[in-house]
C-alpha atoms as a PDB file:
ATOM      1  CA  MET A   1      59.627   1.053 217.135  1.00  0.00           C
ATOM      2  CA  VAL A   2      59.529   3.292 214.078  1.00  0.00           C
ATOM      3  CA  ALA A   3      59.638   7.036 213.550  1.00  0.00           C
ATOM      4  CA  PRO A   4      56.303   8.754 212.565  1.00  0.00           C
ATOM      5  CA  VAL A   5      55.580   8.958 208.873  1.00  0.00           C
ATOM      6  CA  SER A   6      57.811  10.855 206.584  1.00  0.00           C
ATOM      7  CA  SER A   7      56.502  12.729 203.575  1.00  0.00           C
ATOM      8  CA  ARG A   8      58.382  10.373 201.265  1.00  0.00           C
ATOM      9  CA  THR A   9      56.603   7.382 203.079  1.00  0.00           C
ATOM     10  CA  MET A  10      53.224   9.226 202.756  1.00  0.00           C
ATOM     11  CA  ILE A  11      53.870   9.713 199.027  1.00  0.00           C
ATOM     12  CA  ARG A  12      54.579   5.864 198.686  1.00  0.00           C
ATOM     13  CA  LEU A  13      51.421   5.201 200.663  1.00  0.00           C
ATOM     14  CA  LEU A  14      49.393   7.390 198.337  1.00  0.00           C
ATOM     15  CA  MET A  15      50.717   5.811 195.417  1.00  0.00           C
ATOM     16  CA  ALA A  16      50.186   2.120 196.386  1.00  0.00           C
ATOM     17  CA  LEU A  17      46.817   2.841 198.140  1.00  0.00           C
ATOM     18  CA  THR A  18      45.572   4.337 195.217  1.00  0.00           C
ATOM     19  CA  LEU A  19      46.746   1.572 192.958  1.00  0.00           C
ATOM     20  CA  GLY A  20      45.336  -0.982 195.473  1.00  0.00           C
ATOM     21  CA  ALA A  21      41.772   0.986 195.570  1.00  0.00           C
ATOM     22  CA  GLY A  22      41.552   0.492 191.968  1.00  0.00           C
ATOM     23  CA  GLY A  23      41.134  -3.375 192.172  1.00  0.00           C
ATOM     24  CA  ALA A  24      39.240  -3.154 195.638  1.00  0.00           C
ATOM     25  CA  ALA A  25      35.326  -3.952 195.550  1.00  0.00           C
ATOM     26  CA  HIS A  26      33.299  -1.095 196.652  1.00  0.00           C
ATOM     27  CA  ALA A  27      30.357  -2.837 197.893  1.00  0.00           C
ATOM     28  CA  ASP A  28      30.359  -4.615 201.316  1.00  0.00           C
ATOM     29  CA  THR A  29      30.788  -8.394 201.245  1.00  0.00           C
ATOM     30  CA  PRO A  30      28.559  -9.747 204.107  1.00  0.00           C
ATOM     31  CA  ALA A  31      31.069 -12.427 205.120  1.00  0.00           C
ATOM     32  CA  ARG A  32      33.993  -9.954 205.251  1.00  0.00           C
ATOM     33  CA  ALA A  33      35.098  -8.880 208.596  1.00  0.00           C
ATOM     34  CA  LEU A  34      35.874  -5.104 209.101  1.00  0.00           C
ATOM     35  CA  THR A  35      39.540  -4.293 209.814  1.00  0.00           C
ATOM     36  CA  VAL A  36      40.625  -1.600 212.182  1.00  0.00           C
ATOM     37  CA  TYR A  37      44.169  -0.337 212.738  1.00  0.00           C
ATOM     38  CA  THR A  38      44.412   1.677 216.119  1.00  0.00           C
ATOM     39  CA  ALA A  39      47.048   3.474 218.085  1.00  0.00           C
ATOM     40  CA  GLY A  40      45.250   3.637 221.327  1.00  0.00           C
ATOM     41  CA  PRO A  41      44.119   1.641 224.457  1.00  0.00           C
ATOM     42  CA  GLY A  42      43.993  -2.060 223.548  1.00  0.00           C
ATOM     43  CA  THR A  43      41.052  -2.239 226.046  1.00  0.00           C
ATOM     44  CA  LEU A  44      38.863   0.450 224.211  1.00  0.00           C
ATOM     45  CA  ILE A  45      39.249  -0.802 220.790  1.00  0.00           C
ATOM     46  CA  LYS A  46      38.302  -4.388 222.269  1.00  0.00           C
ATOM     47  CA  GLN A  47      35.173  -2.848 223.784  1.00  0.00           C
ATOM     48  CA  LEU A  48      34.295  -1.068 220.654  1.00  0.00           C
ATOM     49  CA  ALA A  49      34.631  -3.900 218.411  1.00  0.00           C
ATOM     50  CA  GLU A  50      32.765  -6.232 220.754  1.00  0.00           C
ATOM     51  CA  GLY A  51      29.875  -3.651 220.788  1.00  0.00           C
ATOM     52  CA  TYR A  52      30.032  -3.075 216.965  1.00  0.00           C
ATOM     53  CA  THR A  53      29.718  -6.869 216.538  1.00  0.00           C
ATOM     54  CA  ARG A  54      26.812  -7.430 218.780  1.00  0.00           C
ATOM     55  CA  GLN A  55      24.991  -4.550 217.087  1.00  0.00           C
ATOM     56  CA  THR A  56      25.657  -5.474 213.332  1.00  0.00           C
ATOM     57  CA  GLY A  57      26.834  -9.338 213.528  1.00  0.00           C
ATOM     58  CA  VAL A  58      30.092  -8.161 211.465  1.00  0.00           C
ATOM     59  CA  ARG A  59      33.394  -9.349 213.092  1.00  0.00           C
ATOM     60  CA  VAL A  60      36.083  -6.825 213.557  1.00  0.00           C
ATOM     61  CA  ASP A  61      39.851  -7.677 213.153  1.00  0.00           C
ATOM     62  CA  VAL A  62      42.088  -5.302 215.198  1.00  0.00           C
ATOM     63  CA  PHE A  63      45.634  -4.499 214.679  1.00  0.00           C
ATOM     64  CA  GLN A  64      46.616  -2.282 217.834  1.00  0.00           C
ATOM     65  CA  ALA A  65      50.127  -0.644 218.314  1.00  0.00           C
ATOM     66  CA  THR A  66      51.892   2.760 218.406  1.00  0.00           C
ATOM     67  CA  THR A  67      51.069   5.279 215.626  1.00  0.00           C
ATOM     68  CA  GLY A  68      54.507   4.613 214.269  1.00  0.00           C
ATOM     69  CA  LYS A  69      54.204   0.897 214.045  1.00  0.00           C
ATOM     70  CA  VAL A  70      50.625   1.230 212.531  1.00  0.00           C
ATOM     71  CA  MET A  71      51.912   3.490 209.717  1.00  0.00           C
ATOM     72  CA  ALA A  72      54.641   1.170 209.140  1.00  0.00           C
ATOM     73  CA  ARG A  73      52.234  -1.698 208.623  1.00  0.00           C
ATOM     74  CA  LEU A  74      49.924   0.248 206.297  1.00  0.00           C
ATOM     75  CA  GLU A  75      53.030   1.040 204.027  1.00  0.00           C
ATOM     76  CA  ALA A  76      54.081  -2.746 204.122  1.00  0.00           C
ATOM     77  CA  GLU A  77      50.600  -3.617 203.042  1.00  0.00           C
ATOM     78  CA  ALA A  78      49.976  -0.789 200.554  1.00  0.00           C
ATOM     79  CA  ALA A  79      50.104  -2.905 197.500  1.00  0.00           C
ATOM     80  CA  ASN A  80      47.411  -5.248 199.007  1.00  0.00           C
ATOM     81  CA  PRO A  81      45.418  -2.892 201.502  1.00  0.00           C
ATOM     82  CA  ARG A  82      43.706  -4.578 204.403  1.00  0.00           C
ATOM     83  CA  ALA A  83      42.787  -1.766 206.846  1.00  0.00           C
ATOM     84  CA  ASP A  84      39.400  -0.449 206.421  1.00  0.00           C
ATOM     85  CA  VAL A  85      39.500   2.032 209.597  1.00  0.00           C
ATOM     86  CA  LEU A  86      42.405   3.751 210.964  1.00  0.00           C
ATOM     87  CA  ILE A  87      42.331   5.436 214.373  1.00  0.00           C
ATOM     88  CA  SER A  88      45.609   7.472 215.171  1.00  0.00           C
ATOM     89  CA  ALA A  89      47.017   8.955 218.207  1.00  0.00           C
ATOM     90  CA  SER A  90      48.053  12.053 216.121  1.00  0.00           C
ATOM     91  CA  TRP A  91      45.832  14.637 214.546  1.00  0.00           C
ATOM     92  CA  ASP A  92      48.642  15.656 212.204  1.00  0.00           C
ATOM     93  CA  THR A  93      48.563  11.922 210.603  1.00  0.00           C
ATOM     94  CA  ALA A  94      45.084  12.593 209.744  1.00  0.00           C
ATOM     95  CA  GLN A  95      45.650  15.857 208.176  1.00  0.00           C
ATOM     96  CA  ASP A  96      48.742  14.519 206.171  1.00  0.00           C
ATOM     97  CA  MET A  97      46.654  11.458 204.897  1.00  0.00           C
ATOM     98  CA  ASP A  98      43.734  13.697 203.944  1.00  0.00           C
ATOM     99  CA  ALA A  99      46.065  16.161 201.972  1.00  0.00           C
ATOM    100  CA  ARG A 100      47.173  13.229 200.013  1.00  0.00           C
ATOM    101  CA  GLY A 101      43.830  12.036 198.850  1.00  0.00           C
ATOM    102  CA  LEU A 102      43.943   8.634 200.841  1.00  0.00           C
ATOM    103  CA  LEU A 103      40.666   9.077 202.897  1.00  0.00           C
ATOM    104  CA  LEU A 104      36.882   8.653 202.157  1.00  0.00           C
ATOM    105  CA  ALA A 105      34.463  11.256 203.211  1.00  0.00           C
ATOM    106  CA  HIS A 106      32.052  10.666 205.790  1.00  0.00           C
ATOM    107  CA  GLN A 107      29.676  12.815 207.812  1.00  0.00           C
ATOM    108  CA  SER A 108      28.121  10.860 210.649  1.00  0.00           C
ATOM    109  CA  ALA A 109      24.733  11.881 212.082  1.00  0.00           C
ATOM    110  CA  ASN A 110      26.390  11.142 215.354  1.00  0.00           C
ATOM    111  CA  ALA A 111      28.862  13.795 215.075  1.00  0.00           C
ATOM    112  CA  ALA A 112      26.211  16.746 215.696  1.00  0.00           C
ATOM    113  CA  ARG A 113      27.417  16.981 219.154  1.00  0.00           C
ATOM    114  CA  VAL A 114      31.077  16.900 218.308  1.00  0.00           C
ATOM    115  CA  PRO A 115      32.849  20.367 218.225  1.00  0.00           C
ATOM    116  CA  GLU A 116      33.694  21.553 214.780  1.00  0.00           C
ATOM    117  CA  ARG A 117      37.242  21.889 215.204  1.00  0.00           C
ATOM    118  CA  LEU A 118      37.371  18.008 216.044  1.00  0.00           C
ATOM    119  CA  ARG A 119      35.675  16.995 212.776  1.00  0.00           C
ATOM    120  CA  THR A 120      36.172  17.389 209.100  1.00  0.00           C
ATOM    121  CA  ALA A 121      34.614  15.891 205.993  1.00  0.00           C
ATOM    122  CA  THR A 122      37.106  12.861 206.146  1.00  0.00           C
ATOM    123  CA  TYR A 123      38.024  12.484 209.780  1.00  0.00           C
ATOM    124  CA  VAL A 124      36.604  12.810 213.211  1.00  0.00           C
ATOM    125  CA  ALA A 125      37.933  12.559 216.740  1.00  0.00           C
ATOM    126  CA  GLN A 126      37.315   9.441 218.615  1.00  0.00           C
ATOM    127  CA  GLY A 127      38.200  11.044 222.025  1.00  0.00           C
ATOM    128  CA  ILE A 128      40.651  13.410 223.254  1.00  0.00           C
ATOM    129  CA  SER A 129      43.803  13.173 225.555  1.00  0.00           C
ATOM    130  CA  ALA A 130      45.749  15.952 227.028  1.00  0.00           C
ATOM    131  CA  LEU A 131      49.452  16.166 227.722  1.00  0.00           C
ATOM    132  CA  GLY A 132      50.683  16.899 231.017  1.00  0.00           C
ATOM    133  CA  ILE A 133      53.055  16.186 233.944  1.00  0.00           C
ATOM    134  CA  VAL A 134      52.703  12.697 235.569  1.00  0.00           C
ATOM    135  CA  TRP A 135      54.267  12.876 238.999  1.00  0.00           C
ATOM    136  CA  ASN A 136      55.037  10.237 241.632  1.00  0.00           C
ATOM    137  CA  SER A 137      54.026  11.868 244.910  1.00  0.00           C
ATOM    138  CA  SER A 138      56.251   9.404 246.976  1.00  0.00           C
ATOM    139  CA  THR A 139      59.549  10.388 245.462  1.00  0.00           C
ATOM    140  CA  GLY A 140      60.143  13.262 247.951  1.00  0.00           C
ATOM    141  CA  THR A 141      60.218  15.825 245.099  1.00  0.00           C
ATOM    142  CA  PRO A 142      58.203  18.985 245.419  1.00  0.00           C
ATOM    143  CA  GLU A 143      54.858  19.019 243.407  1.00  0.00           C
ATOM    144  CA  PRO A 144      55.433  20.804 240.077  1.00  0.00           C
ATOM    145  CA  ALA A 145      52.919  23.323 238.999  1.00  0.00           C
ATOM    146  CA  ASP A 146      54.350  24.140 235.546  1.00  0.00           C
ATOM    147  CA  TRP A 147      56.566  22.688 232.946  1.00  0.00           C
ATOM    148  CA  ALA A 148      59.603  24.612 233.933  1.00  0.00           C
ATOM    149  CA  ASP A 149      59.665  23.222 237.432  1.00  0.00           C
ATOM    150  CA  LEU A 150      61.034  19.989 236.007  1.00  0.00           C
ATOM    151  CA  ALA A 151      64.326  21.773 234.976  1.00  0.00           C
ATOM    152  CA  THR A 152      65.085  22.952 238.445  1.00  0.00           C
ATOM    153  CA  PRO A 153      67.991  21.209 240.820  1.00  0.00           C
ATOM    154  CA  ALA A 154      65.130  19.280 242.661  1.00  0.00           C
ATOM    155  CA  TYR A 155      64.447  17.319 239.641  1.00  0.00           C
ATOM    156  CA  LYS A 156      68.178  16.582 238.600  1.00  0.00           C
ATOM    157  CA  SER A 157      68.032  13.384 236.735  1.00  0.00           C
ATOM    158  CA  ALA A 158      64.748  12.490 237.713  1.00  0.00           C
ATOM    159  CA  VAL A 159      62.565  13.347 234.671  1.00  0.00           C
ATOM    160  CA  THR A 160      61.691  11.017 231.755  1.00  0.00           C
ATOM    161  CA  MET A 161      60.127  12.156 228.465  1.00  0.00           C
ATOM    162  CA  PRO A 162      58.423   9.988 225.721  1.00  0.00           C
ATOM    163  CA  ASP A 163      60.554   9.937 222.363  1.00  0.00           C
ATOM    164  CA  PRO A 164      58.423  11.969 219.829  1.00  0.00           C
ATOM    165  CA  ALA A 165      59.885   9.682 217.084  1.00  0.00           C
ATOM    166  CA  LEU A 166      57.758   6.998 218.639  1.00  0.00           C
ATOM    167  CA  SER A 167      54.671   8.779 220.014  1.00  0.00           C
ATOM    168  CA  GLY A 168      52.296  10.507 218.011  1.00  0.00           C
ATOM    169  CA  ALA A 169      50.887  12.403 221.027  1.00  0.00           C
ATOM    170  CA  THR A 170      54.592  13.523 222.116  1.00  0.00           C
ATOM    171  CA  ILE A 171      55.183  15.121 218.673  1.00  0.00           C
ATOM    172  CA  ASP A 172      51.673  16.845 218.828  1.00  0.00           C
ATOM    173  CA  LEU A 173      52.719  18.313 222.371  1.00  0.00           C
ATOM    174  CA  LEU A 174      56.205  19.453 220.691  1.00  0.00           C
ATOM    175  CA  LEU A 175      54.376  21.190 217.772  1.00  0.00           C
ATOM    176  CA  GLY A 176      51.684  22.519 219.779  1.00  0.00           C
ATOM    177  CA  LEU A 177      54.235  24.216 222.259  1.00  0.00           C
ATOM    178  CA  GLN A 178      56.264  25.544 219.475  1.00  0.00           C
ATOM    179  CA  ASN A 179      53.165  26.926 217.574  1.00  0.00           C
ATOM    180  CA  ALA A 180      51.783  28.516 220.831  1.00  0.00           C
ATOM    181  CA  GLN A 181      55.314  29.701 222.197  1.00  0.00           C
ATOM    182  CA  GLY A 182      57.855  29.986 219.513  1.00  0.00           C
ATOM    183  CA  ASP A 183      61.280  28.986 220.540  1.00  0.00           C
ATOM    184  CA  ALA A 184      60.659  29.065 224.300  1.00  0.00           C
ATOM    185  CA  PRO A 185      59.906  25.341 224.597  1.00  0.00           C
ATOM    186  CA  TRP A 186      63.189  24.432 222.771  1.00  0.00           C
ATOM    187  CA  LYS A 187      65.180  26.352 225.292  1.00  0.00           C
ATOM    188  CA  LEU A 188      63.338  24.568 228.128  1.00  0.00           C
ATOM    189  CA  LEU A 189      63.976  21.149 226.419  1.00  0.00           C
ATOM    190  CA  ALA A 190      67.878  22.075 226.343  1.00  0.00           C
ATOM    191  CA  GLN A 191      67.530  22.931 230.083  1.00  0.00           C
ATOM    192  CA  LEU A 192      65.698  19.747 230.713  1.00  0.00           C
ATOM    193  CA  ARG A 193      68.517  17.681 228.917  1.00  0.00           C
ATOM    194  CA  ASP A 194      71.130  19.470 230.977  1.00  0.00           C
ATOM    195  CA  ASN A 195      69.288  18.783 234.099  1.00  0.00           C
ATOM    196  CA  GLY A 196      69.401  15.121 233.222  1.00  0.00           C
ATOM    197  CA  MET A 197      66.116  14.378 231.550  1.00  0.00           C
ATOM    198  CA  THR A 198      66.150  10.911 229.778  1.00  0.00           C
ATOM    199  CA  VAL A 199      64.364  10.285 226.629  1.00  0.00           C
ATOM    200  CA  SER A 200      62.586   6.878 227.231  1.00  0.00           C
ATOM    201  CA  GLY A 201      60.928   5.295 224.169  1.00  0.00           C
ATOM    202  CA  PRO A 202      57.052   5.532 223.593  1.00  0.00           C
ATOM    203  CA  ASN A 203      54.554   6.636 226.399  1.00  0.00           C
ATOM    204  CA  ALA A 204      54.529   3.205 228.699  1.00  0.00           C
ATOM    205  CA  GLN A 205      58.244   3.219 228.635  1.00  0.00           C
ATOM    206  CA  ALA A 206      58.615   6.677 229.678  1.00  0.00           C
ATOM    207  CA  LEU A 207      56.067   6.172 232.422  1.00  0.00           C
ATOM    208  CA  THR A 208      57.428   2.705 233.939  1.00  0.00           C
ATOM    209  CA  PRO A 209      60.270   4.319 235.928  1.00  0.00           C
ATOM    210  CA  VAL A 210      58.008   6.967 237.429  1.00  0.00           C
ATOM    211  CA  LEU A 211      55.521   4.213 238.625  1.00  0.00           C
ATOM    212  CA  GLN A 212      58.456   2.279 240.063  1.00  0.00           C
ATOM    213  CA  GLY A 213      59.837   5.449 241.709  1.00  0.00           C
ATOM    214  CA  ALA A 214      62.984   5.345 240.202  1.00  0.00           C
ATOM    215  CA  LYS A 215      62.334   8.442 238.539  1.00  0.00           C
ATOM    216  CA  ALA A 216      60.127  11.339 239.816  1.00  0.00           C
ATOM    217  CA  ALA A 217      57.931  12.673 236.774  1.00  0.00           C
ATOM    218  CA  VAL A 218      57.135  12.541 233.126  1.00  0.00           C
ATOM    219  CA  PHE A 219      57.465  15.364 230.901  1.00  0.00           C
ATOM    220  CA  GLY A 220      54.598  15.147 228.389  1.00  0.00           C
ATOM    221  CA  GLY A 221      52.848  12.281 229.835  1.00  0.00           C
ATOM    222  CA  VAL A 222      49.575  10.977 228.197  1.00  0.00           C
ATOM    223  CA  ASP A 223      46.938  11.706 230.689  1.00  0.00           C
ATOM    224  CA  TYR A 224      44.643   8.728 229.945  1.00  0.00           C
ATOM    225  CA  VAL A 225      47.385   6.210 230.560  1.00  0.00           C
ATOM    226  CA  ALA A 226      48.188   7.821 233.940  1.00  0.00           C
ATOM    227  CA  TYR A 227      44.478   7.776 235.028  1.00  0.00           C
ATOM    228  CA  ALA A 228      44.330   4.052 234.157  1.00  0.00           C
ATOM    229  CA  SER A 229      47.378   3.461 236.529  1.00  0.00           C
ATOM    230  CA  ILE A 230      45.948   5.638 239.155  1.00  0.00           C
ATOM    231  CA  GLN A 231      42.614   3.514 239.137  1.00  0.00           C
ATOM    232  CA  LYS A 232      44.964   0.374 239.819  1.00  0.00           C
ATOM    233  CA  GLY A 233      46.465   2.216 242.961  1.00  0.00           C
ATOM    234  CA  GLU A 234      49.405   3.771 241.645  1.00  0.00           C
ATOM    235  CA  LYS A 235      50.728   6.875 243.643  1.00  0.00           C
ATOM    236  CA  ILE A 236      50.977   9.395 240.854  1.00  0.00           C
ATOM    237  CA  LYS A 237      49.232  12.574 240.048  1.00  0.00           C
ATOM    238  CA  VAL A 238      48.303  14.012 236.625  1.00  0.00           C
ATOM    239  CA  ILE A 239      49.218  17.784 236.545  1.00  0.00           C
ATOM    240  CA  PHE A 240      48.242  20.144 233.875  1.00  0.00           C
ATOM    241  CA  PRO A 241      50.796  22.982 233.541  1.00  0.00           C
ATOM    242  CA  GLN A 242      49.659  26.437 234.482  1.00  0.00           C
ATOM    243  CA  SER A 243      51.154  28.001 231.370  1.00  0.00           C
ATOM    244  CA  GLY A 244      49.110  25.643 229.445  1.00  0.00           C
ATOM    245  CA  THR A 245      49.270  22.226 227.402  1.00  0.00           C
ATOM    246  CA  VAL A 246      48.175  20.638 224.271  1.00  0.00           C
ATOM    247  CA  ILE A 247      45.366  18.487 223.683  1.00  0.00           C
ATOM    248  CA  ALA A 248      45.490  15.433 221.390  1.00  0.00           C
ATOM    249  CA  PRO A 249      42.459  14.584 219.535  1.00  0.00           C
ATOM    250  CA  ARG A 250      42.455  10.836 218.375  1.00  0.00           C
ATOM    251  CA  PRO A 251      41.322  11.006 214.787  1.00  0.00           C
ATOM    252  CA  MET A 252      39.251   8.180 213.129  1.00  0.00           C
ATOM    253  CA  MET A 253      39.421   7.772 209.286  1.00  0.00           C
ATOM    254  CA  ILE A 254      38.127   5.744 206.603  1.00  0.00           C
ATOM    255  CA  LEU A 255      40.814   4.645 203.996  1.00  0.00           C
ATOM    256  CA  LYS A 256      39.945   5.035 200.331  1.00  0.00           C
ATOM    257  CA  SER A 257      41.379   1.590 199.757  1.00  0.00           C
ATOM    258  CA  SER A 258      38.630   0.064 202.170  1.00  0.00           C
ATOM    259  CA  ARG A 259      36.889  -2.997 200.746  1.00  0.00           C
ATOM    260  CA  SER A 260      33.800  -2.411 203.132  1.00  0.00           C
ATOM    261  CA  PRO A 261      33.269   1.377 203.158  1.00  0.00           C
ATOM    262  CA  GLU A 262      29.746   0.967 204.149  1.00  0.00           C
ATOM    263  CA  GLN A 263      30.895  -1.102 207.089  1.00  0.00           C
ATOM    264  CA  ALA A 264      33.651   1.430 207.788  1.00  0.00           C
ATOM    265  CA  ARG A 265      31.110   4.183 208.010  1.00  0.00           C
ATOM    266  CA  ALA A 266      28.882   2.239 210.138  1.00  0.00           C
ATOM    267  CA  PHE A 267      31.741   1.618 212.550  1.00  0.00           C
ATOM    268  CA  ILE A 268      32.409   5.301 213.041  1.00  0.00           C
ATOM    269  CA  ASP A 269      28.747   5.815 213.632  1.00  0.00           C
ATOM    270  CA  TYR A 270      28.946   3.498 216.300  1.00  0.00           C
ATOM    271  CA  VAL A 271      32.247   4.792 218.028  1.00  0.00           C
ATOM    272  CA  LEU A 272      30.244   8.252 217.866  1.00  0.00           C
ATOM    273  CA  SER A 273      27.001   6.819 219.406  1.00  0.00           C
ATOM    274  CA  GLU A 274      26.255   7.062 222.903  1.00  0.00           C
ATOM    275  CA  PRO A 275      27.442   3.468 223.890  1.00  0.00           C
ATOM    276  CA  GLY A 276      30.768   4.035 222.034  1.00  0.00           C
ATOM    277  CA  GLN A 277      31.371   7.325 223.544  1.00  0.00           C
ATOM    278  CA  ALA A 278      30.685   5.820 226.826  1.00  0.00           C
ATOM    279  CA  ALA A 279      33.464   3.349 226.166  1.00  0.00           C
ATOM    280  CA  VAL A 280      35.809   6.050 225.100  1.00  0.00           C
ATOM    281  CA  ALA A 281      34.986   7.570 228.756  1.00  0.00           C
ATOM    282  CA  ASP A 282      35.845   4.301 230.400  1.00  0.00           C
ATOM    283  CA  ALA A 283      39.249   4.218 228.985  1.00  0.00           C
ATOM    284  CA  TRP A 284      39.816   7.679 230.542  1.00  0.00           C
ATOM    285  CA  LEU A 285      39.837   9.652 227.546  1.00  0.00           C
ATOM    286  CA  ILE A 286      37.646  12.763 227.007  1.00  0.00           C
ATOM    287  CA  PRO A 287      34.527  11.801 224.986  1.00  0.00           C
ATOM    288  CA  THR A 288      34.719  13.686 221.500  1.00  0.00           C
ATOM    289  CA  ARG A 289      30.951  14.340 222.006  1.00  0.00           C
ATOM    290  CA  GLU A 290      30.005  17.116 224.410  1.00  0.00           C
ATOM    291  CA  ASP A 291      26.883  15.531 225.659  1.00  0.00           C
ATOM    292  CA  VAL A 292      28.744  12.298 227.185  1.00  0.00           C
ATOM    293  CA  ALA A 293      30.373  12.930 230.487  1.00  0.00           C
ATOM    294  CA  ALA A 294      34.055  12.180 231.183  1.00  0.00           C
ATOM    295  CA  ARG A 295      35.339  10.149 233.952  1.00  0.00           C
ATOM    296  CA  ARG A 296      38.346  12.451 234.535  1.00  0.00           C
ATOM    297  CA  PRO A 297      39.002  16.404 234.453  1.00  0.00           C
ATOM    298  CA  PRO A 298      36.994  17.607 231.301  1.00  0.00           C
ATOM    299  CA  MET A 299      38.712  19.859 228.762  1.00  0.00           C
ATOM    300  CA  ARG A 300      37.105  22.988 230.248  1.00  0.00           C
ATOM    301  CA  ASP A 301      39.524  22.461 233.348  1.00  0.00           C
ATOM    302  CA  ILE A 302      42.419  22.300 231.373  1.00  0.00           C
ATOM    303  CA  LYS A 303      44.275  25.490 229.989  1.00  0.00           C
ATOM    304  CA  VAL A 304      44.630  24.520 226.307  1.00  0.00           C
ATOM    305  CA  LEU A 305      47.324  26.513 224.199  1.00  0.00           C
ATOM    306  CA  GLU A 306      46.052  28.020 221.242  1.00  0.00           C
ATOM    307  CA  ALA A 307      48.258  27.539 218.100  1.00  0.00           C
ATOM    308  CA  GLY A 308      49.487  30.808 216.222  1.00  0.00           C
ATOM    309  CA  ALA A 309      50.769  32.691 219.460  1.00  0.00           C
ATOM    310  CA  GLY A 310      54.242  32.086 218.416  1.00  0.00           C
ATOM    311  CA  GLU A 311      56.467  32.197 215.230  1.00  0.00           C
ATOM    312  CA  ALA A 312      55.922  29.392 212.693  1.00  0.00           C
ATOM    313  CA  GLN A 313      58.719  26.954 213.278  1.00  0.00           C
ATOM    314  CA  GLY A 314      57.981  24.248 210.463  1.00  0.00           C
ATOM    315  CA  GLY A 315      56.556  21.020 210.670  1.00  0.00           C
ATOM    316  CA  ARG A 316      56.614  17.496 212.031  1.00  0.00           C
ATOM    317  CA  GLU A 317      59.936  16.573 210.227  1.00  0.00           C
ATOM    318  CA  GLN A 318      61.610  19.598 211.043  1.00  0.00           C
ATOM    319  CA  ALA A 319      60.579  19.175 214.683  1.00  0.00           C
ATOM    320  CA  LEU A 320      61.668  15.605 214.826  1.00  0.00           C
ATOM    321  CA  ALA A 321      65.173  16.502 213.302  1.00  0.00           C
ATOM    322  CA  ARG A 322      65.646  19.430 215.945  1.00  0.00           C
ATOM    323  CA  PHE A 323      64.621  17.372 218.896  1.00  0.00           C
ATOM    324  CA  ALA A 324      67.194  14.380 217.634  1.00  0.00           C
ATOM    325  CA  LYS A 325      69.910  16.740 217.418  1.00  0.00           C
ATOM    326  CA  LEU A 326      69.084  18.356 220.645  1.00  0.00           C
ATOM    327  CA  PHE A 327      69.302  14.859 222.457  1.00  0.00           C
ATOM    328  CA  GLY A 328      71.954  13.533 220.460  1.00  0.00           C
ATOM    329  CA  GLN A 329      69.876  10.961 218.650  1.00  0.00           C
ATOM    330  CA  HIS A 330      71.479  10.447 215.071  1.00  0.00           C
END
């Protein structure tokens, strides 16, 4: 696993992808497959790719991994870009890439029912997850109601947390809590550390010991992963903290270096169509279109923290450095 993309890496991406785009064809070649890089559920992209191929006859090649691995592959291929569409687990990734001029504009007609805060001229949410507490009810621990409950003696050495250096959703959680509550989340993280919380790789790695009952709860678990486990019969519960949490829109974007920009636009349109959004709901994400029903608690049932209530504390790299220092990751 690798860390989320630094500013230096993004600059290298910008330079190389811009050079790569200069030699790329800007008209679609019928025989060419569309290439999608995605940090998201493998079952979802498989369903979307198959649906798009049925509709258009165009094959979709997929690379699916964590946000860090996807971005590392983009950088490695920057001199000879392969990806047409990128789907990230972090809204911040899209903002960074857009600011550096790496994205093509596209306004999908199917985005009319997508809230304005979830779409821009160059990227749009595929779906939305929320971050919460994932609790194993069979561990004998009291059911938590808020983040701070996990720092109590009842949860001594019983809590895991995904590593924000490996999880786009977790760094979004850190930034969201920080932007809304100032320094308070960092004080709570210090209490959790002192209470024995372990930082356990990406999301799945943090969830596994909770599924096994070796740990009682995940701090900042991704909800759709937990809901999929509940469907399989796991005795866990997703709890959205009373004090509020952060949602994690999953942005889709077309890379400026794409050699099939029209097919890329058509793919975005398909994901935002009713069948595409139904597939998003089947993956236990909240559909980005307000007229497509979710299979899990909708956003209106979650207290979402609004950014800006706390003092500005810096960006992604500062938060990652502060987290690494707090948990002794050097």
